[in-house]
Amino acid sequence: MNLPASAPEFLDAFRGFKGKTLPKIHVHCFTGKDDDAKKTAVARCEKALGCNLSNVSVHLVRDVAPKKNMLCVSFTLPESARSLAKISIPVNEYSLDDGECERACKKIKS
Protein backbone atom coordinates (compact mmCIF):
# COMPACT_ATOMS: atom_id res chain seq x y z
CA MET A 1 0.00 0.00 0.00
CA ASN A 2 1.67 3.19 -1.10
CA LEU A 3 0.05 5.95 0.95
CA PRO A 4 2.98 6.65 3.27
CA ALA A 5 1.37 9.22 5.52
CA SER A 6 -1.62 7.08 6.50
CA ALA A 7 -1.19 3.56 5.07
CA PRO A 8 -0.89 1.75 8.43
CA GLU A 9 -4.31 3.07 9.45
CA PHE A 10 -5.91 1.13 6.56
CA LEU A 11 -4.73 -2.24 7.91
CA ASP A 12 -7.93 -2.61 9.91
CA ALA A 13 -9.53 -3.65 6.61
CA PHE A 14 -7.82 -7.04 7.08
CA ARG A 15 -9.59 -7.79 10.38
CA GLY A 16 -11.82 -10.81 9.96
CA PHE A 17 -10.03 -11.85 6.75
CA LYS A 18 -11.84 -14.81 5.17
CA GLY A 19 -9.53 -15.75 2.28
CA LYS A 20 -7.95 -19.20 2.00
CA THR A 21 -4.37 -17.97 1.87
CA LEU A 22 -3.07 -15.26 4.16
CA PRO A 23 -1.72 -12.38 2.05
CA LYS A 24 1.75 -10.88 2.16
CA ILE A 25 1.32 -7.20 2.98
CA HIS A 26 3.71 -4.34 2.19
CA VAL A 27 2.97 -1.03 3.93
CA HIS A 28 4.90 2.15 3.14
CA CYS A 29 5.06 4.70 5.95
CA PHE A 30 6.98 7.76 7.03
CA THR A 31 9.08 7.67 10.17
CA GLY A 32 11.70 9.77 11.85
CA LYS A 33 15.38 8.97 11.47
CA ASP A 34 15.89 7.93 15.09
CA ASP A 35 17.06 4.53 16.32
CA ASP A 36 13.49 3.41 17.04
CA ALA A 37 12.10 4.20 13.58
CA LYS A 38 11.65 0.55 12.57
CA LYS A 39 10.02 -0.34 15.91
CA THR A 40 7.73 2.67 15.58
CA ALA A 41 6.65 1.65 12.06
CA VAL A 42 5.88 -1.92 13.18
CA ALA A 43 4.02 -0.64 16.26
CA ARG A 44 1.80 1.56 14.07
CA CYS A 45 0.93 -1.46 11.91
CA GLU A 46 0.19 -3.64 14.94
CA LYS A 47 -2.00 -0.99 16.51
CA ALA A 48 -4.05 -0.47 13.35
CA LEU A 49 -4.44 -4.19 12.65
CA GLY A 50 -5.15 -5.02 16.28
CA CYS A 51 -2.71 -7.92 16.72
CA ASN A 52 1.00 -8.61 17.02
CA LEU A 53 3.09 -9.19 13.92
CA SER A 54 5.86 -11.75 13.57
CA ASN A 55 8.45 -12.37 10.88
CA VAL A 56 8.36 -8.70 9.95
CA SER A 57 10.80 -7.23 7.47
CA VAL A 58 11.40 -3.47 7.48
CA HIS A 59 13.56 -1.75 4.91
CA LEU A 60 14.39 1.81 3.94
CA VAL A 61 12.62 2.91 0.76
CA ARG A 62 14.11 6.39 0.57
CA ASP A 63 15.23 9.45 2.45
CA VAL A 64 12.43 12.01 2.02
CA ALA A 65 13.48 14.92 4.25
CA PRO A 66 16.23 15.92 6.67
CA LYS A 67 14.37 14.25 9.56
CA LYS A 68 12.10 11.80 7.73
CA ASN A 69 12.50 8.45 5.98
CA MET A 70 10.04 6.29 4.10
CA LEU A 71 10.10 2.67 5.26
CA CYS A 72 8.37 -0.43 3.95
CA VAL A 73 6.98 -2.86 6.55
CA SER A 74 6.39 -6.31 5.03
CA PHE A 75 4.66 -9.23 6.74
CA THR A 76 2.25 -12.08 6.17
CA LEU A 77 -1.12 -11.36 7.70
CA PRO A 78 -1.22 -13.18 11.06
CA GLU A 79 -3.70 -16.03 11.44
CA SER A 80 -5.07 -14.22 14.51
CA ALA A 81 -6.38 -11.43 12.25
CA ARG A 82 -9.08 -13.83 10.99
CA SER A 83 -10.80 -13.82 14.39
CA LEU A 84 -10.75 -10.05 14.86
CA ALA A 85 -14.03 -8.19 14.54
CA LYS A 86 -14.47 -5.87 11.60
CA ILE A 87 -14.71 -2.22 12.49
CA SER A 88 -18.03 -0.68 11.53
CA ILE A 89 -17.71 2.72 9.95
CA PRO A 90 -20.48 5.10 10.98
CA VAL A 91 -22.69 6.36 8.19
CA ASN A 92 -22.19 10.05 7.60
CA GLU A 93 -24.19 12.65 5.76
CA TYR A 94 -22.40 11.85 2.49
CA SER A 95 -23.14 8.11 2.50
CA LEU A 96 -25.91 6.64 0.40
CA ASP A 97 -28.27 4.03 1.80
CA ASP A 98 -28.99 0.91 -0.28
CA GLY A 99 -32.13 2.38 -1.82
CA GLU A 100 -30.32 5.51 -2.96
CA CYS A 101 -27.52 3.43 -4.53
CA GLU A 102 -30.04 1.29 -6.40
CA ARG A 103 -31.94 4.33 -7.71
CA ALA A 104 -28.70 6.03 -8.77
CA CYS A 105 -27.60 2.89 -10.68
CA LYS A 106 -30.95 2.66 -12.48
CA LYS A 107 -30.74 6.33 -13.42
CA ILE A 108 -27.23 5.87 -14.85
CA LYS A 109 -28.29 2.81 -16.86
CA SER A 110 -31.27 4.60 -18.45
C-alpha atoms as a PDB file:
ATOM      1  CA  MET A   1       0.000   0.000   0.000  1.00  0.00           C
ATOM      2  CA  ASN A   2       1.675   3.186  -1.104  1.00  0.00           C
ATOM      3  CA  LEU A   3       0.045   5.952   0.953  1.00  0.00           C
ATOM      4  CA  PRO A   4       2.977   6.647   3.265  1.00  0.00           C
ATOM      5  CA  ALA A   5       1.371   9.223   5.521  1.00  0.00           C
ATOM      6  CA  SER A   6      -1.621   7.078   6.503  1.00  0.00           C
ATOM      7  CA  ALA A   7      -1.192   3.562   5.072  1.00  0.00           C
ATOM      8  CA  PRO A   8      -0.895   1.755   8.431  1.00  0.00           C
ATOM      9  CA  GLU A   9      -4.307   3.068   9.446  1.00  0.00           C
ATOM     10  CA  PHE A  10      -5.913   1.134   6.560  1.00  0.00           C
ATOM     11  CA  LEU A  11      -4.730  -2.237   7.906  1.00  0.00           C
ATOM     12  CA  ASP A  12      -7.931  -2.610   9.909  1.00  0.00           C
ATOM     13  CA  ALA A  13      -9.530  -3.652   6.608  1.00  0.00           C
ATOM     14  CA  PHE A  14      -7.816  -7.039   7.082  1.00  0.00           C
ATOM     15  CA  ARG A  15      -9.591  -7.790  10.381  1.00  0.00           C
ATOM     16  CA  GLY A  16     -11.822 -10.809   9.961  1.00  0.00           C
ATOM     17  CA  PHE A  17     -10.029 -11.850   6.753  1.00  0.00           C
ATOM     18  CA  LYS A  18     -11.839 -14.809   5.166  1.00  0.00           C
ATOM     19  CA  GLY A  19      -9.526 -15.753   2.280  1.00  0.00           C
ATOM     20  CA  LYS A  20      -7.954 -19.199   2.001  1.00  0.00           C
ATOM     21  CA  THR A  21      -4.369 -17.974   1.867  1.00  0.00           C
ATOM     22  CA  LEU A  22      -3.068 -15.260   4.155  1.00  0.00           C
ATOM     23  CA  PRO A  23      -1.720 -12.378   2.053  1.00  0.00           C
ATOM     24  CA  LYS A  24       1.753 -10.884   2.160  1.00  0.00           C
ATOM     25  CA  ILE A  25       1.318  -7.200   2.984  1.00  0.00           C
ATOM     26  CA  HIS A  26       3.707  -4.341   2.192  1.00  0.00           C
ATOM     27  CA  VAL A  27       2.972  -1.033   3.931  1.00  0.00           C
ATOM     28  CA  HIS A  28       4.904   2.154   3.142  1.00  0.00           C
ATOM     29  CA  CYS A  29       5.058   4.696   5.951  1.00  0.00           C
ATOM     30  CA  PHE A  30       6.981   7.762   7.033  1.00  0.00           C
ATOM     31  CA  THR A  31       9.082   7.672  10.172  1.00  0.00           C
ATOM     32  CA  GLY A  32      11.702   9.773  11.847  1.00  0.00           C
ATOM     33  CA  LYS A  33      15.379   8.973  11.471  1.00  0.00           C
ATOM     34  CA  ASP A  34      15.889   7.933  15.093  1.00  0.00           C
ATOM     35  CA  ASP A  35      17.063   4.525  16.316  1.00  0.00           C
ATOM     36  CA  ASP A  36      13.490   3.407  17.038  1.00  0.00           C
ATOM     37  CA  ALA A  37      12.101   4.196  13.579  1.00  0.00           C
ATOM     38  CA  LYS A  38      11.648   0.548  12.571  1.00  0.00           C
ATOM     39  CA  LYS A  39      10.024  -0.339  15.905  1.00  0.00           C
ATOM     40  CA  THR A  40       7.728   2.674  15.575  1.00  0.00           C
ATOM     41  CA  ALA A  41       6.648   1.647  12.063  1.00  0.00           C
ATOM     42  CA  VAL A  42       5.878  -1.924  13.177  1.00  0.00           C
ATOM     43  CA  ALA A  43       4.019  -0.641  16.258  1.00  0.00           C
ATOM     44  CA  ARG A  44       1.795   1.558  14.066  1.00  0.00           C
ATOM     45  CA  CYS A  45       0.927  -1.459  11.910  1.00  0.00           C
ATOM     46  CA  GLU A  46       0.192  -3.641  14.940  1.00  0.00           C
ATOM     47  CA  LYS A  47      -2.005  -0.986  16.515  1.00  0.00           C
ATOM     48  CA  ALA A  48      -4.046  -0.469  13.351  1.00  0.00           C
ATOM     49  CA  LEU A  49      -4.437  -4.186  12.653  1.00  0.00           C
ATOM     50  CA  GLY A  50      -5.152  -5.022  16.284  1.00  0.00           C
ATOM     51  CA  CYS A  51      -2.708  -7.917  16.717  1.00  0.00           C
ATOM     52  CA  ASN A  52       1.002  -8.615  17.024  1.00  0.00           C
ATOM     53  CA  LEU A  53       3.089  -9.194  13.924  1.00  0.00           C
ATOM     54  CA  SER A  54       5.858 -11.755  13.566  1.00  0.00           C
ATOM     55  CA  ASN A  55       8.450 -12.372  10.876  1.00  0.00           C
ATOM     56  CA  VAL A  56       8.362  -8.702   9.948  1.00  0.00           C
ATOM     57  CA  SER A  57      10.804  -7.230   7.474  1.00  0.00           C
ATOM     58  CA  VAL A  58      11.395  -3.473   7.484  1.00  0.00           C
ATOM     59  CA  HIS A  59      13.559  -1.750   4.908  1.00  0.00           C
ATOM     60  CA  LEU A  60      14.386   1.811   3.938  1.00  0.00           C
ATOM     61  CA  VAL A  61      12.624   2.915   0.762  1.00  0.00           C
ATOM     62  CA  ARG A  62      14.107   6.394   0.566  1.00  0.00           C
ATOM     63  CA  ASP A  63      15.227   9.451   2.445  1.00  0.00           C
ATOM     64  CA  VAL A  64      12.433  12.005   2.021  1.00  0.00           C
ATOM     65  CA  ALA A  65      13.476  14.922   4.248  1.00  0.00           C
ATOM     66  CA  PRO A  66      16.229  15.924   6.673  1.00  0.00           C
ATOM     67  CA  LYS A  67      14.373  14.255   9.564  1.00  0.00           C
ATOM     68  CA  LYS A  68      12.103  11.799   7.727  1.00  0.00           C
ATOM     69  CA  ASN A  69      12.497   8.445   5.977  1.00  0.00           C
ATOM     70  CA  MET A  70      10.036   6.287   4.102  1.00  0.00           C
ATOM     71  CA  LEU A  71      10.098   2.667   5.260  1.00  0.00           C
ATOM     72  CA  CYS A  72       8.367  -0.432   3.948  1.00  0.00           C
ATOM     73  CA  VAL A  73       6.984  -2.858   6.545  1.00  0.00           C
ATOM     74  CA  SER A  74       6.391  -6.312   5.035  1.00  0.00           C
ATOM     75  CA  PHE A  75       4.665  -9.234   6.744  1.00  0.00           C
ATOM     76  CA  THR A  76       2.255 -12.082   6.165  1.00  0.00           C
ATOM     77  CA  LEU A  77      -1.124 -11.359   7.698  1.00  0.00           C
ATOM     78  CA  PRO A  78      -1.224 -13.176  11.058  1.00  0.00           C
ATOM     79  CA  GLU A  79      -3.696 -16.031  11.439  1.00  0.00           C
ATOM     80  CA  SER A  80      -5.066 -14.225  14.506  1.00  0.00           C
ATOM     81  CA  ALA A  81      -6.378 -11.429  12.246  1.00  0.00           C
ATOM     82  CA  ARG A  82      -9.078 -13.831  10.991  1.00  0.00           C
ATOM     83  CA  SER A  83     -10.801 -13.823  14.387  1.00  0.00           C
ATOM     84  CA  LEU A  84     -10.754 -10.050  14.862  1.00  0.00           C
ATOM     85  CA  ALA A  85     -14.030  -8.191  14.542  1.00  0.00           C
ATOM     86  CA  LYS A  86     -14.469  -5.866  11.605  1.00  0.00           C
ATOM     87  CA  ILE A  87     -14.712  -2.216  12.489  1.00  0.00           C
ATOM     88  CA  SER A  88     -18.029  -0.677  11.535  1.00  0.00           C
ATOM     89  CA  ILE A  89     -17.710   2.719   9.946  1.00  0.00           C
ATOM     90  CA  PRO A  90     -20.478   5.103  10.979  1.00  0.00           C
ATOM     91  CA  VAL A  91     -22.692   6.362   8.192  1.00  0.00           C
ATOM     92  CA  ASN A  92     -22.193  10.052   7.598  1.00  0.00           C
ATOM     93  CA  GLU A  93     -24.186  12.654   5.761  1.00  0.00           C
ATOM     94  CA  TYR A  94     -22.403  11.846   2.487  1.00  0.00           C
ATOM     95  CA  SER A  95     -23.140   8.107   2.505  1.00  0.00           C
ATOM     96  CA  LEU A  96     -25.914   6.641   0.396  1.00  0.00           C
ATOM     97  CA  ASP A  97     -28.272   4.034   1.796  1.00  0.00           C
ATOM     98  CA  ASP A  98     -28.993   0.905  -0.279  1.00  0.00           C
ATOM     99  CA  GLY A  99     -32.133   2.377  -1.815  1.00  0.00           C
ATOM    100  CA  GLU A 100     -30.316   5.510  -2.961  1.00  0.00           C
ATOM    101  CA  CYS A 101     -27.524   3.431  -4.527  1.00  0.00           C
ATOM    102  CA  GLU A 102     -30.037   1.289  -6.402  1.00  0.00           C
ATOM    103  CA  ARG A 103     -31.942   4.327  -7.707  1.00  0.00           C
ATOM    104  CA  ALA A 104     -28.699   6.028  -8.771  1.00  0.00           C
ATOM    105  CA  CYS A 105     -27.600   2.892 -10.680  1.00  0.00           C
ATOM    106  CA  LYS A 106     -30.949   2.655 -12.482  1.00  0.00           C
ATOM    107  CA  LYS A 107     -30.741   6.329 -13.416  1.00  0.00           C
ATOM    108  CA  ILE A 108     -27.232   5.870 -14.851  1.00  0.00           C
ATOM    109  CA  LYS A 109     -28.292   2.809 -16.864  1.00  0.00           C
ATOM    110  CA  SER A 110     -31.270   4.603 -18.449  1.00  0.00           C
END
